[in-house]
């Protein structure tokens, strides 16, 4: 009986850590203000996609600004640079209501900070 109780406790612990990890991964899902426009980040399978919000407040799925995956407690992937007209490497972390993005292009790095709208 004692072994069953231990196994049950271990199973509960594993399930709770998985649920917490999922919540952590999904905290990036929101509408973010970039300072110039708003971007909605949502989840498709294991990827986090960001599309700009148009003037009517609707997501524009034809323009993909971000394409990220959650790895090692951060989101990594690509961000579209309108100024350069190409995709650049990006690493993101959520801190409170701020999305901190480190963008790298070859040997140059740029830090961006977006603010959660909702």
C-alpha atoms as a PDB file:
ATOM      1  CA  UNK A   1       0.000   0.000   0.000  1.00  0.00           C
ATOM      2  CA  UNK A   2       2.866   2.340   0.810  1.00  0.00           C
ATOM      3  CA  UNK A   3       4.344   1.803  -2.671  1.00  0.00           C
ATOM      4  CA  UNK A   4       1.011   2.694  -4.278  1.00  0.00           C
ATOM      5  CA  UNK A   5       0.873   5.927  -2.262  1.00  0.00           C
ATOM      6  CA  UNK A   6       4.408   6.822  -3.383  1.00  0.00           C
ATOM      7  CA  UNK A   7       3.598   6.085  -7.017  1.00  0.00           C
ATOM      8  CA  UNK A   8       0.420   8.143  -6.773  1.00  0.00           C
ATOM      9  CA  UNK A   9       2.326  11.085  -5.254  1.00  0.00           C
ATOM     10  CA  UNK A  10       4.985  10.886  -7.977  1.00  0.00           C
ATOM     11  CA  UNK A  11       2.308  10.774 -10.692  1.00  0.00           C
ATOM     12  CA  UNK A  12       0.598  13.862  -9.243  1.00  0.00           C
ATOM     13  CA  UNK A  13       3.904  15.724  -9.081  1.00  0.00           C
ATOM     14  CA  UNK A  14       4.747  14.895 -12.716  1.00  0.00           C
ATOM     15  CA  UNK A  15       1.302  15.983 -13.890  1.00  0.00           C
ATOM     16  CA  UNK A  16       1.476  19.260 -11.952  1.00  0.00           C
ATOM     17  CA  UNK A  17       4.907  20.143 -13.359  1.00  0.00           C
ATOM     18  CA  UNK A  18       3.627  19.476 -16.884  1.00  0.00           C
ATOM     19  CA  UNK A  19       0.612  21.745 -16.306  1.00  0.00           C
ATOM     20  CA  UNK A  20       2.818  24.503 -14.881  1.00  0.00           C
ATOM     21  CA  UNK A  21       5.233  24.219 -17.809  1.00  0.00           C
ATOM     22  CA  UNK A  22       2.321  24.510 -20.260  1.00  0.00           C
ATOM     23  CA  UNK A  23       1.069  27.654 -18.498  1.00  0.00           C
ATOM     24  CA  UNK A  24       4.588  29.133 -18.667  1.00  0.00           C
ATOM     25  CA  UNK A  25       4.841  28.384 -22.392  1.00  0.00           C
ATOM     26  CA  UNK A  26       1.479  29.947 -23.149  1.00  0.00           C
ATOM     27  CA  UNK A  27       2.066  33.196 -21.232  1.00  0.00           C
ATOM     28  CA  UNK A  28       3.305  34.717 -24.507  1.00  0.00           C
ATOM     29  CA  UNK A  29      -0.190  34.310 -25.999  1.00  0.00           C
ATOM     30  CA  UNK A  30      -1.632  37.839 -26.028  1.00  0.00           C
ATOM     31  CA  UNK A  31      -1.905  41.036 -28.016  1.00  0.00           C
ATOM     32  CA  UNK A  32       1.314  43.064 -27.720  1.00  0.00           C
ATOM     33  CA  UNK A  33       1.955  46.747 -28.429  1.00  0.00           C
ATOM     34  CA  UNK A  34       5.256  47.171 -30.286  1.00  0.00           C
ATOM     35  CA  UNK A  35       5.173  50.960 -30.051  1.00  0.00           C
ATOM     36  CA  UNK A  36       4.300  51.208 -33.750  1.00  0.00           C
ATOM     37  CA  UNK A  37       1.562  48.607 -34.093  1.00  0.00           C
ATOM     38  CA  UNK A  38      -0.110  45.755 -32.253  1.00  0.00           C
ATOM     39  CA  UNK A  39       0.751  42.093 -32.783  1.00  0.00           C
ATOM     40  CA  UNK A  40      -1.337  39.111 -31.705  1.00  0.00           C
ATOM     41  CA  UNK A  41       0.619  36.013 -30.700  1.00  0.00           C
ATOM     42  CA  UNK A  42      -1.265  32.720 -30.697  1.00  0.00           C
ATOM     43  CA  UNK A  43      -0.395  29.028 -30.693  1.00  0.00           C
ATOM     44  CA  UNK A  44      -0.598  26.615 -33.631  1.00  0.00           C
ATOM     45  CA  UNK A  45       0.506  23.095 -32.661  1.00  0.00           C
ATOM     46  CA  UNK A  46       3.917  23.641 -30.990  1.00  0.00           C
ATOM     47  CA  UNK A  47       4.614  27.019 -32.632  1.00  0.00           C
ATOM     48  CA  UNK A  48       3.771  30.542 -31.533  1.00  0.00           C
ATOM     49  CA  UNK A  49       2.785  32.762 -34.443  1.00  0.00           C
ATOM     50  CA  UNK A  50       2.529  36.552 -34.397  1.00  0.00           C
ATOM     51  CA  UNK A  51       0.401  38.534 -36.822  1.00  0.00           C
ATOM     52  CA  UNK A  52      -0.240  42.288 -36.886  1.00  0.00           C
ATOM     53  CA  UNK A  53      -3.616  43.660 -35.865  1.00  0.00           C
ATOM     54  CA  UNK A  54      -5.283  45.790 -38.555  1.00  0.00           C
ATOM     55  CA  UNK A  55      -7.182  49.050 -38.014  1.00  0.00           C
ATOM     56  CA  UNK A  56     -10.416  47.113 -37.370  1.00  0.00           C
ATOM     57  CA  UNK A  57      -8.739  45.237 -34.521  1.00  0.00           C
ATOM     58  CA  UNK A  58      -8.549  41.964 -36.426  1.00  0.00           C
ATOM     59  CA  UNK A  59      -5.523  39.723 -36.913  1.00  0.00           C
ATOM     60  CA  UNK A  60      -4.006  39.849 -40.411  1.00  0.00           C
ATOM     61  CA  UNK A  61      -3.041  36.194 -41.073  1.00  0.00           C
ATOM     62  CA  UNK A  62      -1.384  37.068 -44.373  1.00  0.00           C
ATOM     63  CA  UNK A  63       1.540  38.775 -42.603  1.00  0.00           C
ATOM     64  CA  UNK A  64       3.578  36.639 -40.212  1.00  0.00           C
ATOM     65  CA  UNK A  65       5.726  38.788 -37.910  1.00  0.00           C
ATOM     66  CA  UNK A  66       6.866  36.045 -35.496  1.00  0.00           C
ATOM     67  CA  UNK A  67       7.369  32.289 -35.716  1.00  0.00           C
ATOM     68  CA  UNK A  68       8.636  30.851 -32.429  1.00  0.00           C
ATOM     69  CA  UNK A  69       9.024  27.623 -30.473  1.00  0.00           C
ATOM     70  CA  UNK A  70       9.367  27.262 -26.708  1.00  0.00           C
ATOM     71  CA  UNK A  71      12.783  25.808 -25.845  1.00  0.00           C
ATOM     72  CA  UNK A  72      14.739  25.884 -22.596  1.00  0.00           C
ATOM     73  CA  UNK A  73      12.391  28.340 -20.847  1.00  0.00           C
ATOM     74  CA  UNK A  74      12.335  30.898 -23.690  1.00  0.00           C
ATOM     75  CA  UNK A  75      10.816  31.317 -27.119  1.00  0.00           C
ATOM     76  CA  UNK A  76      13.220  31.107 -30.059  1.00  0.00           C
ATOM     77  CA  UNK A  77      12.660  31.490 -33.762  1.00  0.00           C
ATOM     78  CA  UNK A  78      12.293  34.219 -36.356  1.00  0.00           C
ATOM     79  CA  UNK A  79      10.994  37.766 -36.405  1.00  0.00           C
ATOM     80  CA  UNK A  80      10.279  39.693 -39.587  1.00  0.00           C
ATOM     81  CA  UNK A  81      12.172  42.957 -39.934  1.00  0.00           C
ATOM     82  CA  UNK A  82      10.148  45.331 -42.069  1.00  0.00           C
ATOM     83  CA  UNK A  83      13.105  47.714 -42.272  1.00  0.00           C
ATOM     84  CA  UNK A  84      15.429  44.998 -43.624  1.00  0.00           C
ATOM     85  CA  UNK A  85      12.716  43.088 -45.489  1.00  0.00           C
ATOM     86  CA  UNK A  86      13.801  39.699 -44.113  1.00  0.00           C
ATOM     87  CA  UNK A  87      13.570  37.272 -41.218  1.00  0.00           C
ATOM     88  CA  UNK A  88      16.008  37.611 -38.323  1.00  0.00           C
ATOM     89  CA  UNK A  89      16.784  35.335 -35.375  1.00  0.00           C
ATOM     90  CA  UNK A  90      14.886  36.154 -32.192  1.00  0.00           C
ATOM     91  CA  UNK A  91      14.800  35.021 -28.559  1.00  0.00           C
ATOM     92  CA  UNK A  92      11.912  36.134 -26.360  1.00  0.00           C
ATOM     93  CA  UNK A  93      11.133  36.139 -22.662  1.00  0.00           C
ATOM     94  CA  UNK A  94       8.039  37.360 -20.849  1.00  0.00           C
ATOM     95  CA  UNK A  95       8.593  39.452 -17.730  1.00  0.00           C
ATOM     96  CA  UNK A  96       5.292  40.555 -16.250  1.00  0.00           C
ATOM     97  CA  UNK A  97       3.455  42.516 -18.928  1.00  0.00           C
ATOM     98  CA  UNK A  98       6.569  42.978 -21.068  1.00  0.00           C
ATOM     99  CA  UNK A  99       7.847  40.835 -23.905  1.00  0.00           C
ATOM    100  CA  UNK A 100      11.619  41.175 -24.153  1.00  0.00           C
ATOM    101  CA  UNK A 101      12.938  40.278 -27.600  1.00  0.00           C
ATOM    102  CA  UNK A 102      16.602  39.937 -28.542  1.00  0.00           C
ATOM    103  CA  UNK A 103      16.970  40.164 -32.307  1.00  0.00           C
ATOM    104  CA  UNK A 104      20.235  39.136 -33.935  1.00  0.00           C
ATOM    105  CA  UNK A 105      21.431  39.725 -37.467  1.00  0.00           C
ATOM    106  CA  UNK A 106      24.866  38.257 -37.994  1.00  0.00           C
ATOM    107  CA  UNK A 107      27.016  40.038 -35.398  1.00  0.00           C
ATOM    108  CA  UNK A 108      24.546  42.746 -34.423  1.00  0.00           C
ATOM    109  CA  UNK A 109      22.004  42.366 -31.623  1.00  0.00           C
ATOM    110  CA  UNK A 110      19.032  44.602 -30.868  1.00  0.00           C
ATOM    111  CA  UNK A 111      16.758  44.478 -27.818  1.00  0.00           C
ATOM    112  CA  UNK A 112      13.046  45.208 -28.221  1.00  0.00           C
ATOM    113  CA  UNK A 113      10.400  45.536 -25.552  1.00  0.00           C
ATOM    114  CA  UNK A 114       6.718  45.061 -26.287  1.00  0.00           C
ATOM    115  CA  UNK A 115       3.898  45.684 -23.802  1.00  0.00           C
ATOM    116  CA  UNK A 116       0.932  43.353 -23.225  1.00  0.00           C
ATOM    117  CA  UNK A 117      -2.365  44.920 -24.299  1.00  0.00           C
ATOM    118  CA  UNK A 118      -4.687  42.222 -22.917  1.00  0.00           C
END
